[in-house]
Amino acid sequence: MSFTILGLLFLIQAIFHAWGSDIFLGKKYRNSDIGRAYQRKLVFPLTFLGAGWVILGALYFALYEGKDAASFYIWLAVVTVPPFILMAFNKYRFIR
């Protein structure tokens, strides 16, 4: 259940970024063109991450009934690592 809730939180954050709200941006990126470009680049990774976690959280309880399963954690890593790599790359690109 916690994976589904965290996934929904990532989706909510992606929606706020898509709307252009600067609630989740640091002071450095607020009210600037660089901040808006950085914000637009966060929408896809957060949407992918949130949707993946919601789907995996639902499947986890449907298939594994809350028991530990190695395959679930492998799929969780497969869904989680690429968006975090994209977000880290974007942060590095916009620091300069």
N, C-alpha and C. Protein backbone atom coordinates (compact mmCIF):
# COMPACT_ATOMS: atom_id res chain seq x y z
N MET A 1 0.82 -1.19 0.00
CA MET A 1 0.00 0.00 0.00
C MET A 1 0.86 1.26 0.00
N SER A 2 1.98 1.21 0.70
CA SER A 2 2.84 2.40 0.77
C SER A 2 3.44 2.74 -0.60
N PHE A 3 3.73 1.73 -1.42
CA PHE A 3 4.26 2.02 -2.76
C PHE A 3 3.22 2.74 -3.61
N THR A 4 1.97 2.34 -3.47
CA THR A 4 0.89 2.99 -4.22
C THR A 4 0.72 4.43 -3.77
N ILE A 5 0.78 4.67 -2.48
CA ILE A 5 0.64 6.04 -1.96
C ILE A 5 1.82 6.90 -2.41
N LEU A 6 3.03 6.37 -2.33
CA LEU A 6 4.20 7.13 -2.80
C LEU A 6 4.11 7.41 -4.29
N GLY A 7 3.62 6.45 -5.05
CA GLY A 7 3.43 6.66 -6.48
C GLY A 7 2.44 7.78 -6.75
N LEU A 8 1.36 7.82 -5.98
CA LEU A 8 0.39 8.90 -6.14
C LEU A 8 1.00 10.25 -5.78
N LEU A 9 1.87 10.27 -4.77
CA LEU A 9 2.54 11.52 -4.41
C LEU A 9 3.47 11.98 -5.53
N PHE A 10 4.17 11.06 -6.18
CA PHE A 10 5.00 11.43 -7.33
C PHE A 10 4.14 11.97 -8.47
N LEU A 11 2.98 11.36 -8.68
CA LEU A 11 2.08 11.84 -9.74
C LEU A 11 1.55 13.24 -9.42
N ILE A 12 1.22 13.49 -8.16
CA ILE A 12 0.76 14.83 -7.77
C ILE A 12 1.87 15.86 -7.99
N GLN A 13 3.09 15.49 -7.64
CA GLN A 13 4.22 16.39 -7.87
C GLN A 13 4.41 16.65 -9.36
N ALA A 14 4.25 15.63 -10.19
CA ALA A 14 4.37 15.82 -11.64
C ALA A 14 3.29 16.75 -12.17
N ILE A 15 2.08 16.64 -11.62
CA ILE A 15 1.00 17.53 -12.05
C ILE A 15 1.32 18.97 -11.69
N PHE A 16 1.83 19.20 -10.49
CA PHE A 16 2.19 20.57 -10.10
C PHE A 16 3.29 21.13 -11.00
N HIS A 17 4.26 20.29 -11.35
CA HIS A 17 5.32 20.75 -12.27
C HIS A 17 4.75 21.05 -13.65
N ALA A 18 3.82 20.23 -14.11
CA ALA A 18 3.22 20.46 -15.43
C ALA A 18 2.41 21.75 -15.45
N TRP A 19 1.76 22.08 -14.34
CA TRP A 19 1.00 23.33 -14.26
C TRP A 19 1.89 24.55 -14.13
N GLY A 20 3.16 24.34 -13.79
CA GLY A 20 4.08 25.47 -13.64
C GLY A 20 4.17 26.01 -12.23
N SER A 21 3.62 25.29 -11.26
CA SER A 21 3.70 25.72 -9.87
C SER A 21 5.12 25.52 -9.36
N ASP A 22 5.63 26.50 -8.60
CA ASP A 22 7.01 26.40 -8.12
C ASP A 22 7.08 25.92 -6.67
N ILE A 23 6.07 25.23 -6.20
CA ILE A 23 6.04 24.75 -4.82
C ILE A 23 7.21 23.80 -4.54
N PHE A 24 7.52 22.92 -5.46
CA PHE A 24 8.53 21.90 -5.23
C PHE A 24 9.91 22.30 -5.76
N LEU A 25 10.06 23.52 -6.25
CA LEU A 25 11.36 23.97 -6.75
C LEU A 25 12.11 24.69 -5.64
N GLY A 26 13.43 24.59 -5.67
CA GLY A 26 14.24 25.34 -4.73
C GLY A 26 14.26 26.82 -5.09
N LYS A 27 14.75 27.64 -4.17
CA LYS A 27 14.78 29.09 -4.40
C LYS A 27 15.61 29.46 -5.61
N LYS A 28 16.62 28.65 -5.89
CA LYS A 28 17.51 28.94 -7.02
C LYS A 28 16.77 28.92 -8.36
N TYR A 29 15.77 28.07 -8.49
CA TYR A 29 15.08 27.88 -9.77
C TYR A 29 13.78 28.67 -9.89
N ARG A 30 13.32 29.28 -8.81
CA ARG A 30 12.03 29.98 -8.86
C ARG A 30 12.13 31.26 -9.66
N ASN A 31 11.07 31.57 -10.37
CA ASN A 31 10.92 32.83 -11.11
C ASN A 31 12.07 33.09 -12.09
N SER A 32 12.46 32.08 -12.82
CA SER A 32 13.50 32.26 -13.84
C SER A 32 13.19 31.36 -15.03
N ASP A 33 13.76 31.72 -16.18
CA ASP A 33 13.56 30.90 -17.37
C ASP A 33 14.21 29.53 -17.22
N ILE A 34 15.36 29.50 -16.57
CA ILE A 34 16.04 28.22 -16.33
C ILE A 34 15.18 27.33 -15.44
N GLY A 35 14.55 27.93 -14.44
CA GLY A 35 13.68 27.17 -13.54
C GLY A 35 12.49 26.57 -14.26
N ARG A 36 11.90 27.32 -15.19
CA ARG A 36 10.76 26.79 -15.94
C ARG A 36 11.19 25.65 -16.87
N ALA A 37 12.35 25.79 -17.49
CA ALA A 37 12.85 24.72 -18.36
C ALA A 37 13.17 23.48 -17.53
N TYR A 38 13.80 23.69 -16.37
CA TYR A 38 14.12 22.58 -15.48
C TYR A 38 12.84 21.89 -15.02
N GLN A 39 11.83 22.68 -14.72
CA GLN A 39 10.56 22.14 -14.25
C GLN A 39 9.88 21.30 -15.33
N ARG A 40 9.92 21.75 -16.56
CA ARG A 40 9.31 20.98 -17.66
C ARG A 40 10.02 19.64 -17.84
N LYS A 41 11.32 19.61 -17.59
CA LYS A 41 12.08 18.37 -17.74
C LYS A 41 11.80 17.37 -16.62
N LEU A 42 11.16 17.81 -15.53
CA LEU A 42 10.84 16.90 -14.43
C LEU A 42 9.51 16.19 -14.60
N VAL A 43 8.67 16.66 -15.51
CA VAL A 43 7.32 16.11 -15.63
C VAL A 43 7.35 14.64 -16.07
N PHE A 44 8.09 14.31 -17.12
CA PHE A 44 8.11 12.93 -17.61
C PHE A 44 8.69 11.95 -16.60
N PRO A 45 9.88 12.22 -16.01
CA PRO A 45 10.40 11.23 -15.05
C PRO A 45 9.48 11.03 -13.84
N LEU A 46 8.90 12.11 -13.34
CA LEU A 46 8.01 11.96 -12.18
C LEU A 46 6.73 11.23 -12.55
N THR A 47 6.22 11.46 -13.74
CA THR A 47 5.02 10.75 -14.19
C THR A 47 5.32 9.27 -14.36
N PHE A 48 6.44 8.95 -14.98
CA PHE A 48 6.85 7.55 -15.16
C PHE A 48 7.04 6.87 -13.81
N LEU A 49 7.72 7.57 -12.90
CA LEU A 49 7.97 7.02 -11.58
C LEU A 49 6.68 6.81 -10.81
N GLY A 50 5.82 7.80 -10.82
CA GLY A 50 4.55 7.69 -10.09
C GLY A 50 3.65 6.61 -10.64
N ALA A 51 3.49 6.58 -11.96
CA ALA A 51 2.63 5.57 -12.57
C ALA A 51 3.20 4.17 -12.33
N GLY A 52 4.50 4.02 -12.46
CA GLY A 52 5.13 2.73 -12.22
C GLY A 52 4.93 2.24 -10.80
N TRP A 53 5.10 3.15 -9.83
CA TRP A 53 4.93 2.75 -8.43
C TRP A 53 3.47 2.43 -8.11
N VAL A 54 2.54 3.17 -8.69
CA VAL A 54 1.12 2.87 -8.45
C VAL A 54 0.77 1.50 -9.01
N ILE A 55 1.20 1.23 -10.23
CA ILE A 55 0.91 -0.07 -10.85
C ILE A 55 1.60 -1.20 -10.09
N LEU A 56 2.88 -1.01 -9.75
CA LEU A 56 3.58 -2.06 -9.01
C LEU A 56 2.99 -2.27 -7.62
N GLY A 57 2.59 -1.18 -6.96
CA GLY A 57 1.97 -1.32 -5.64
C GLY A 57 0.68 -2.11 -5.71
N ALA A 58 -0.13 -1.85 -6.74
CA ALA A 58 -1.38 -2.59 -6.90
C ALA A 58 -1.11 -4.06 -7.23
N LEU A 59 -0.17 -4.30 -8.13
CA LEU A 59 0.17 -5.69 -8.49
C LEU A 59 0.78 -6.45 -7.32
N TYR A 60 1.55 -5.74 -6.50
CA TYR A 60 2.20 -6.37 -5.35
C TYR A 60 1.15 -6.98 -4.42
N PHE A 61 0.11 -6.22 -4.13
CA PHE A 61 -0.92 -6.75 -3.24
C PHE A 61 -1.83 -7.75 -3.95
N ALA A 62 -2.01 -7.59 -5.25
CA ALA A 62 -2.87 -8.53 -5.98
C ALA A 62 -2.18 -9.88 -6.17
N LEU A 63 -0.90 -9.87 -6.51
CA LEU A 63 -0.20 -11.11 -6.82
C LEU A 63 0.52 -11.73 -5.62
N TYR A 64 1.20 -10.89 -4.83
CA TYR A 64 2.03 -11.41 -3.75
C TYR A 64 1.37 -11.31 -2.38
N GLU A 65 0.22 -10.64 -2.31
CA GLU A 65 -0.54 -10.49 -1.07
C GLU A 65 0.31 -9.91 0.06
N GLY A 66 1.20 -8.99 -0.26
CA GLY A 66 2.00 -8.30 0.75
C GLY A 66 3.21 -9.07 1.25
N LYS A 67 3.48 -10.24 0.70
CA LYS A 67 4.64 -11.01 1.13
C LYS A 67 5.88 -10.54 0.38
N ASP A 68 7.04 -10.71 0.99
CA ASP A 68 8.29 -10.33 0.32
C ASP A 68 8.54 -11.23 -0.87
N ALA A 69 8.90 -10.61 -1.97
CA ALA A 69 9.20 -11.35 -3.19
C ALA A 69 10.34 -10.64 -3.91
N ALA A 70 11.35 -11.40 -4.26
CA ALA A 70 12.52 -10.81 -4.91
C ALA A 70 12.16 -10.20 -6.26
N SER A 71 11.28 -10.83 -6.99
CA SER A 71 10.92 -10.30 -8.31
C SER A 71 10.25 -8.93 -8.21
N PHE A 72 9.48 -8.71 -7.14
CA PHE A 72 8.86 -7.39 -6.95
C PHE A 72 9.92 -6.32 -6.77
N TYR A 73 10.94 -6.60 -5.98
CA TYR A 73 11.98 -5.61 -5.73
C TYR A 73 12.83 -5.38 -6.98
N ILE A 74 12.99 -6.39 -7.79
CA ILE A 74 13.71 -6.21 -9.05
C ILE A 74 12.92 -5.29 -9.97
N TRP A 75 11.61 -5.52 -10.10
CA TRP A 75 10.78 -4.65 -10.93
C TRP A 75 10.71 -3.23 -10.36
N LEU A 76 10.73 -3.12 -9.05
CA LEU A 76 10.73 -1.79 -8.43
C LEU A 76 12.00 -1.03 -8.80
N ALA A 77 13.13 -1.72 -8.81
CA ALA A 77 14.38 -1.08 -9.22
C ALA A 77 14.35 -0.72 -10.70
N VAL A 78 13.77 -1.59 -11.53
CA VAL A 78 13.68 -1.31 -12.97
C VAL A 78 12.83 -0.07 -13.22
N VAL A 79 11.78 0.12 -12.44
CA VAL A 79 10.91 1.28 -12.62
C VAL A 79 11.52 2.54 -11.99
N THR A 80 12.29 2.38 -10.92
CA THR A 80 12.77 3.53 -10.16
C THR A 80 14.07 4.12 -10.69
N VAL A 81 15.00 3.31 -11.10
CA VAL A 81 16.33 3.80 -11.46
C VAL A 81 16.34 4.74 -12.67
N PRO A 82 15.70 4.41 -13.80
CA PRO A 82 15.76 5.32 -14.96
C PRO A 82 15.23 6.73 -14.71
N PRO A 83 14.09 6.91 -14.01
CA PRO A 83 13.66 8.29 -13.75
C PRO A 83 14.63 9.07 -12.87
N PHE A 84 15.22 8.40 -11.88
CA PHE A 84 16.18 9.11 -11.04
C PHE A 84 17.45 9.47 -11.81
N ILE A 85 17.84 8.63 -12.76
CA ILE A 85 18.98 8.97 -13.61
C ILE A 85 18.64 10.18 -14.47
N LEU A 86 17.44 10.20 -15.05
CA LEU A 86 17.00 11.37 -15.84
C LEU A 86 16.95 12.63 -15.00
N MET A 87 16.43 12.54 -13.78
CA MET A 87 16.35 13.72 -12.93
C MET A 87 17.73 14.21 -12.51
N ALA A 88 18.65 13.29 -12.24
CA ALA A 88 20.01 13.69 -11.88
C ALA A 88 20.71 14.33 -13.08
N PHE A 89 20.51 13.78 -14.26
CA PHE A 89 21.10 14.36 -15.47
C PHE A 89 20.56 15.76 -15.72
N ASN A 90 19.24 15.93 -15.56
CA ASN A 90 18.64 17.25 -15.74
C ASN A 90 19.15 18.25 -14.71
N LYS A 91 19.30 17.82 -13.47
CA LYS A 91 19.80 18.73 -12.44
C LYS A 91 21.23 19.15 -12.76
N TYR A 92 22.06 18.21 -13.20
CA TYR A 92 23.43 18.54 -13.57
C TYR A 92 23.45 19.50 -14.75
N ARG A 93 22.58 19.28 -15.72
CA ARG A 93 22.55 20.11 -16.92
C ARG A 93 22.12 21.55 -16.60
N PHE A 94 21.22 21.72 -15.65
CA PHE A 94 20.73 23.06 -15.34
C PHE A 94 21.53 23.76 -14.24
N ILE A 95 22.47 23.08 -13.62
CA ILE A 95 23.33 23.74 -12.63
C ILE A 95 24.26 24.71 -13.31
N ARG A 96 24.76 24.33 -14.48
CA ARG A 96 25.70 25.21 -15.18
C ARG A 96 25.05 26.44 -15.70
